[in-house]
Amino acid sequence: MKRIAGMREVAKIVRFGSVTPISGADFVREVSQAPEDVWVVVLHHKEGGEVSDCQILLQCLDELTTKYPATKFVKIISTNCIQNYPDCNLPTVLVYHNDALKSNYVGVRSFGRRCTPEGVALTLCQSDPVLNDGRSKKEQSREAVLERVRERFLGKVVERVISSEIMFASFASFDEI
C-alpha cells in the first residue's frame, strides 16, 4: 500500500517534463486556460536552424523541464501565434500564470552573456516563483528555487575547476617526459 501511495505521489508531481510543441489554435487551451497552480513558460521560436539562438534556448528549457516537471513548458512557432512576428526578436519567452502574462524576455541575451540552464532558471525566478519541481504541497518559494539553482551552478563550477586542474596536471607531467 505504501509503495502504491508513493507511486501515486510521483505521478502527481510529473505533470509535464518536456517542452511541448503547440499551434496557434492550442494557445488559449494550453496557456491561458492552464490550471491556477501552474506556471507556463512559452518559447516563441523559428523552426529549423534559421535562428541558432532559438536552438540554444530550447536546449536550456529542455534541461529545465526535467528538473521542474510541475512547470509547463511549451514552444510555438512565432508566426503561428503572432502574424509577422519579426525574427530579430527571437527567441522570445513569455511567462503566464492565472491567465495573465507575468513577464517576457526578448532575445537570448535576456538570460545572460552565455545562455545556460542555470542562467535561464535564475532569470525566470527573479520576480516570481516560476519554476516548481512539484515536491512541495504548496507553490515553492522563489528563494528556495533560487538557492537550488545556485547550488547546481556552484557544483558545475567546482566540477569544471577540478577537471581543468586534472587536465593541467596531466599536461605538466607530459612536459616532464
C-alpha atoms as a PDB file:
ATOM      1  CA  MET A   1       0.000   0.000   0.000  1.00  0.00           C
ATOM      2  CA  LYS A   2       2.878   2.380   0.835  1.00  0.00           C
ATOM      3  CA  ARG A   3       4.520   1.591  -2.490  1.00  0.00           C
ATOM      4  CA  ILE A   4       1.313   2.303  -4.408  1.00  0.00           C
ATOM      5  CA  ALA A   5       0.814   5.546  -2.481  1.00  0.00           C
ATOM      6  CA  GLY A   6       4.388   6.553  -3.313  1.00  0.00           C
ATOM      7  CA  MET A   7       3.837   5.804  -7.000  1.00  0.00           C
ATOM      8  CA  ARG A   8       0.687   7.931  -6.980  1.00  0.00           C
ATOM      9  CA  GLU A   9       2.607  10.837  -5.425  1.00  0.00           C
ATOM     10  CA  VAL A  10       5.296  10.616  -8.112  1.00  0.00           C
ATOM     11  CA  ALA A  11       2.612  10.528 -10.810  1.00  0.00           C
ATOM     12  CA  LYS A  12       1.091  13.726  -9.404  1.00  0.00           C
ATOM     13  CA  ILE A  13       4.462  15.502  -9.477  1.00  0.00           C
ATOM     14  CA  VAL A  14       5.419  14.617 -13.047  1.00  0.00           C
ATOM     15  CA  ARG A  15       2.755  16.507 -14.915  1.00  0.00           C
ATOM     16  CA  PHE A  16       4.752  17.855 -17.808  1.00  0.00           C
ATOM     17  CA  GLY A  17       8.503  17.115 -18.054  1.00  0.00           C
ATOM     18  CA  SER A  18       9.106  18.224 -21.651  1.00  0.00           C
ATOM     19  CA  VAL A  19       8.809  21.229 -23.941  1.00  0.00           C
ATOM     20  CA  THR A  20       5.513  20.574 -25.705  1.00  0.00           C
ATOM     21  CA  PRO A  21       5.006  21.964 -29.208  1.00  0.00           C
ATOM     22  CA  ILE A  22       1.682  23.786 -29.649  1.00  0.00           C
ATOM     23  CA  SER A  23      -0.078  25.556 -32.506  1.00  0.00           C
ATOM     24  CA  GLY A  24      -1.834  28.901 -32.589  1.00  0.00           C
ATOM     25  CA  ALA A  25      -5.174  27.133 -32.157  1.00  0.00           C
ATOM     26  CA  ASP A  26      -3.879  25.386 -28.984  1.00  0.00           C
ATOM     27  CA  PHE A  27      -2.563  28.567 -27.346  1.00  0.00           C
ATOM     28  CA  VAL A  28      -5.685  29.511 -25.365  1.00  0.00           C
ATOM     29  CA  ARG A  29      -6.280  25.965 -24.123  1.00  0.00           C
ATOM     30  CA  GLU A  30      -2.642  25.190 -23.270  1.00  0.00           C
ATOM     31  CA  VAL A  31      -1.559  28.588 -21.920  1.00  0.00           C
ATOM     32  CA  SER A  32      -4.450  30.863 -20.973  1.00  0.00           C
ATOM     33  CA  GLN A  33      -6.619  28.067 -19.582  1.00  0.00           C
ATOM     34  CA  ALA A  34      -3.865  26.264 -17.670  1.00  0.00           C
ATOM     35  CA  PRO A  35      -4.768  25.340 -14.068  1.00  0.00           C
ATOM     36  CA  GLU A  36      -4.335  28.083 -11.454  1.00  0.00           C
ATOM     37  CA  ASP A  37      -1.370  26.427  -9.748  1.00  0.00           C
ATOM     38  CA  VAL A  38       0.610  26.031 -12.995  1.00  0.00           C
ATOM     39  CA  TRP A  39       3.183  28.456 -14.357  1.00  0.00           C
ATOM     40  CA  VAL A  40       3.501  28.297 -18.150  1.00  0.00           C
ATOM     41  CA  VAL A  41       6.728  29.184 -19.952  1.00  0.00           C
ATOM     42  CA  VAL A  42       6.121  29.826 -23.676  1.00  0.00           C
ATOM     43  CA  LEU A  43       9.013  29.827 -26.142  1.00  0.00           C
ATOM     44  CA  HIS A  44       8.349  31.684 -29.398  1.00  0.00           C
ATOM     45  CA  HIS A  45      10.874  30.322 -31.881  1.00  0.00           C
ATOM     46  CA  LYS A  46      11.585  29.690 -35.530  1.00  0.00           C
ATOM     47  CA  GLU A  47      11.670  26.109 -36.737  1.00  0.00           C
ATOM     48  CA  GLY A  48      14.923  24.674 -38.034  1.00  0.00           C
ATOM     49  CA  GLY A  49      18.403  26.105 -37.727  1.00  0.00           C
ATOM     50  CA  GLU A  50      17.480  29.517 -39.127  1.00  0.00           C
ATOM     51  CA  VAL A  51      17.824  31.214 -35.745  1.00  0.00           C
ATOM     52  CA  SER A  52      20.531  29.398 -33.767  1.00  0.00           C
ATOM     53  CA  ASP A  53      19.725  31.308 -30.560  1.00  0.00           C
ATOM     54  CA  CYS A  54      16.341  29.556 -30.572  1.00  0.00           C
ATOM     55  CA  GLN A  55      18.094  26.174 -30.511  1.00  0.00           C
ATOM     56  CA  ILE A  56      20.381  27.257 -27.670  1.00  0.00           C
ATOM     57  CA  LEU A  57      17.472  28.445 -25.533  1.00  0.00           C
ATOM     58  CA  LEU A  58      15.398  25.368 -26.392  1.00  0.00           C
ATOM     59  CA  GLN A  59      18.225  23.130 -25.110  1.00  0.00           C
ATOM     60  CA  CYS A  60      18.275  25.094 -21.843  1.00  0.00           C
ATOM     61  CA  LEU A  61      14.499  24.779 -21.456  1.00  0.00           C
ATOM     62  CA  ASP A  62      14.677  21.047 -22.244  1.00  0.00           C
ATOM     63  CA  GLU A  63      17.068  20.613 -19.328  1.00  0.00           C
ATOM     64  CA  LEU A  64      14.856  22.683 -17.008  1.00  0.00           C
ATOM     65  CA  THR A  65      11.775  20.582 -17.833  1.00  0.00           C
ATOM     66  CA  THR A  66      13.331  17.528 -16.215  1.00  0.00           C
ATOM     67  CA  LYS A  67      14.215  19.452 -13.059  1.00  0.00           C
ATOM     68  CA  TYR A  68      10.892  21.300 -12.793  1.00  0.00           C
ATOM     69  CA  PRO A  69       8.162  18.949 -14.063  1.00  0.00           C
ATOM     70  CA  ALA A  70       5.370  20.894 -12.327  1.00  0.00           C
ATOM     71  CA  THR A  71       6.107  23.934 -14.539  1.00  0.00           C
ATOM     72  CA  LYS A  72       4.583  23.715 -18.002  1.00  0.00           C
ATOM     73  CA  PHE A  73       6.947  24.467 -20.892  1.00  0.00           C
ATOM     74  CA  VAL A  74       5.552  24.914 -24.410  1.00  0.00           C
ATOM     75  CA  LYS A  75       7.021  26.092 -27.679  1.00  0.00           C
ATOM     76  CA  ILE A  76       5.281  27.676 -30.625  1.00  0.00           C
ATOM     77  CA  ILE A  77       6.499  28.874 -33.992  1.00  0.00           C
ATOM     78  CA  SER A  78       6.331  32.633 -33.589  1.00  0.00           C
ATOM     79  CA  THR A  79       4.397  33.377 -36.779  1.00  0.00           C
ATOM     80  CA  ASN A  80       1.778  30.739 -35.881  1.00  0.00           C
ATOM     81  CA  CYS A  81       0.964  32.783 -32.791  1.00  0.00           C
ATOM     82  CA  ILE A  82       1.672  36.382 -33.818  1.00  0.00           C
ATOM     83  CA  GLN A  83       1.421  37.092 -37.517  1.00  0.00           C
ATOM     84  CA  ASN A  84       4.539  38.773 -38.978  1.00  0.00           C
ATOM     85  CA  TYR A  85       6.466  38.484 -35.694  1.00  0.00           C
ATOM     86  CA  PRO A  86       9.997  39.691 -36.552  1.00  0.00           C
ATOM     87  CA  ASP A  87      12.817  37.143 -36.471  1.00  0.00           C
ATOM     88  CA  CYS A  88      15.091  39.733 -34.849  1.00  0.00           C
ATOM     89  CA  ASN A  89      13.016  39.321 -31.641  1.00  0.00           C
ATOM     90  CA  LEU A  90      13.583  35.576 -31.481  1.00  0.00           C
ATOM     91  CA  PRO A  91      13.742  33.711 -29.279  1.00  0.00           C
ATOM     92  CA  THR A  92      11.059  35.269 -27.100  1.00  0.00           C
ATOM     93  CA  VAL A  93       9.941  33.746 -23.805  1.00  0.00           C
ATOM     94  CA  LEU A  94       6.598  34.654 -22.256  1.00  0.00           C
ATOM     95  CA  VAL A  95       5.666  33.577 -18.730  1.00  0.00           C
ATOM     96  CA  TYR A  96       1.993  33.130 -17.824  1.00  0.00           C
ATOM     97  CA  HIS A  97       0.227  32.416 -14.539  1.00  0.00           C
ATOM     98  CA  ASN A  98      -3.511  32.502 -13.839  1.00  0.00           C
ATOM     99  CA  ASP A  99      -4.310  33.579 -17.420  1.00  0.00           C
ATOM    100  CA  ALA A 100      -2.057  36.639 -17.137  1.00  0.00           C
ATOM    101  CA  LEU A 101       1.263  37.499 -18.744  1.00  0.00           C
ATOM    102  CA  LYS A 102       3.720  37.888 -15.863  1.00  0.00           C
ATOM    103  CA  SER A 103       6.951  38.562 -17.763  1.00  0.00           C
ATOM    104  CA  ASN A 104       8.559  38.471 -21.175  1.00  0.00           C
ATOM    105  CA  TYR A 105      12.129  38.090 -22.361  1.00  0.00           C
ATOM    106  CA  VAL A 106      13.148  39.063 -25.891  1.00  0.00           C
ATOM    107  CA  GLY A 107      16.335  37.544 -27.269  1.00  0.00           C
ATOM    108  CA  VAL A 108      18.754  35.053 -25.813  1.00  0.00           C
ATOM    109  CA  ARG A 109      20.804  37.839 -24.166  1.00  0.00           C
ATOM    110  CA  SER A 110      17.931  38.365 -21.705  1.00  0.00           C
ATOM    111  CA  PHE A 111      19.307  35.298 -19.928  1.00  0.00           C
ATOM    112  CA  GLY A 112      22.892  36.476 -19.558  1.00  0.00           C
ATOM    113  CA  ARG A 113      26.015  36.676 -21.662  1.00  0.00           C
ATOM    114  CA  ARG A 114      26.140  32.910 -22.033  1.00  0.00           C
ATOM    115  CA  CYS A 115      22.759  31.240 -22.156  1.00  0.00           C
ATOM    116  CA  THR A 116      22.896  28.317 -19.708  1.00  0.00           C
ATOM    117  CA  PRO A 117      20.109  26.389 -17.959  1.00  0.00           C
ATOM    118  CA  GLU A 118      21.180  27.947 -14.660  1.00  0.00           C
ATOM    119  CA  GLY A 119      21.115  31.450 -16.132  1.00  0.00           C
ATOM    120  CA  VAL A 120      17.667  30.860 -17.602  1.00  0.00           C
ATOM    121  CA  ALA A 121      16.395  29.497 -14.274  1.00  0.00           C
ATOM    122  CA  LEU A 122      17.792  32.454 -12.337  1.00  0.00           C
ATOM    123  CA  THR A 123      16.245  34.935 -14.771  1.00  0.00           C
ATOM    124  CA  LEU A 124      12.849  33.231 -14.743  1.00  0.00           C
ATOM    125  CA  CYS A 125      12.737  33.269 -10.932  1.00  0.00           C
ATOM    126  CA  GLN A 126      13.911  36.854 -10.377  1.00  0.00           C
ATOM    127  CA  SER A 127      10.419  38.211  -9.750  1.00  0.00           C
ATOM    128  CA  ASP A 128       8.158  35.171  -9.355  1.00  0.00           C
ATOM    129  CA  PRO A 129       8.466  31.502  -8.342  1.00  0.00           C
ATOM    130  CA  VAL A 130       8.047  30.304 -11.936  1.00  0.00           C
ATOM    131  CA  LEU A 131       9.934  27.029 -11.592  1.00  0.00           C
ATOM    132  CA  ASN A 132       8.380  24.304  -9.491  1.00  0.00           C
ATOM    133  CA  ASP A 133       9.676  20.774  -9.032  1.00  0.00           C
ATOM    134  CA  GLY A 134       6.317  19.665  -7.623  1.00  0.00           C
ATOM    135  CA  ARG A 135       7.742  18.167  -4.442  1.00  0.00           C
ATOM    136  CA  SER A 136       6.173  20.624  -2.036  1.00  0.00           C
ATOM    137  CA  LYS A 137       2.451  20.704  -1.411  1.00  0.00           C
ATOM    138  CA  LYS A 138       2.314  24.474  -1.805  1.00  0.00           C
ATOM    139  CA  GLU A 139       3.928  26.546  -4.503  1.00  0.00           C
ATOM    140  CA  GLN A 140       7.647  26.786  -3.918  1.00  0.00           C
ATOM    141  CA  SER A 141       9.094  29.980  -2.641  1.00  0.00           C
ATOM    142  CA  ARG A 142      11.214  31.987  -5.043  1.00  0.00           C
ATOM    143  CA  GLU A 143      14.124  31.846  -2.608  1.00  0.00           C
ATOM    144  CA  ALA A 144      14.083  28.029  -2.429  1.00  0.00           C
ATOM    145  CA  VAL A 145      14.212  27.712  -6.205  1.00  0.00           C
ATOM    146  CA  LEU A 146      16.988  30.291  -6.486  1.00  0.00           C
ATOM    147  CA  GLU A 147      19.008  28.536  -3.786  1.00  0.00           C
ATOM    148  CA  ARG A 148      18.717  25.185  -5.571  1.00  0.00           C
ATOM    149  CA  VAL A 149      19.781  26.783  -8.881  1.00  0.00           C
ATOM    150  CA  ARG A 150      22.765  28.442  -7.177  1.00  0.00           C
ATOM    151  CA  GLU A 151      23.815  25.112  -5.642  1.00  0.00           C
ATOM    152  CA  ARG A 152      23.689  23.378  -9.037  1.00  0.00           C
ATOM    153  CA  PHE A 153      25.616  26.231 -10.640  1.00  0.00           C
ATOM    154  CA  LEU A 154      28.341  26.126  -7.985  1.00  0.00           C
ATOM    155  CA  GLY A 155      28.528  22.348  -8.344  1.00  0.00           C
ATOM    156  CA  LYS A 156      29.152  22.714 -12.070  1.00  0.00           C
ATOM    157  CA  VAL A 157      31.802  25.388 -11.480  1.00  0.00           C
ATOM    158  CA  VAL A 158      33.622  23.186  -8.962  1.00  0.00           C
ATOM    159  CA  GLU A 159      33.402  20.231 -11.352  1.00  0.00           C
ATOM    160  CA  ARG A 160      34.929  22.303 -14.174  1.00  0.00           C
ATOM    161  CA  VAL A 161      37.716  23.610 -11.933  1.00  0.00           C
ATOM    162  CA  ILE A 162      38.590  20.101 -10.798  1.00  0.00           C
ATOM    163  CA  SER A 163      38.573  18.770 -14.364  1.00  0.00           C
ATOM    164  CA  SER A 164      40.759  21.664 -15.574  1.00  0.00           C
ATOM    165  CA  GLU A 165      43.199  21.023 -12.669  1.00  0.00           C
ATOM    166  CA  ILE A 166      43.372  17.364 -13.674  1.00  0.00           C
ATOM    167  CA  MET A 167      43.981  18.375 -17.282  1.00  0.00           C
ATOM    168  CA  PHE A 168      46.651  20.859 -16.193  1.00  0.00           C
ATOM    169  CA  ALA A 169      48.341  18.205 -14.041  1.00  0.00           C
ATOM    170  CA  SER A 170      48.390  15.769 -16.967  1.00  0.00           C
ATOM    171  CA  PHE A 171      49.953  18.439 -19.231  1.00  0.00           C
ATOM    172  CA  ALA A 172      52.528  19.201 -16.543  1.00  0.00           C
ATOM    173  CA  SER A 173      53.515  15.542 -16.362  1.00  0.00           C
ATOM    174  CA  PHE A 174      53.667  15.468 -20.175  1.00  0.00           C
ATOM    175  CA  ASP A 175      56.274  18.264 -20.066  1.00  0.00           C
ATOM    176  CA  GLU A 176      58.437  16.135 -17.764  1.00  0.00           C
ATOM    177  CA  ILE A 177      58.703  13.388 -20.388  1.00  0.00           C
END
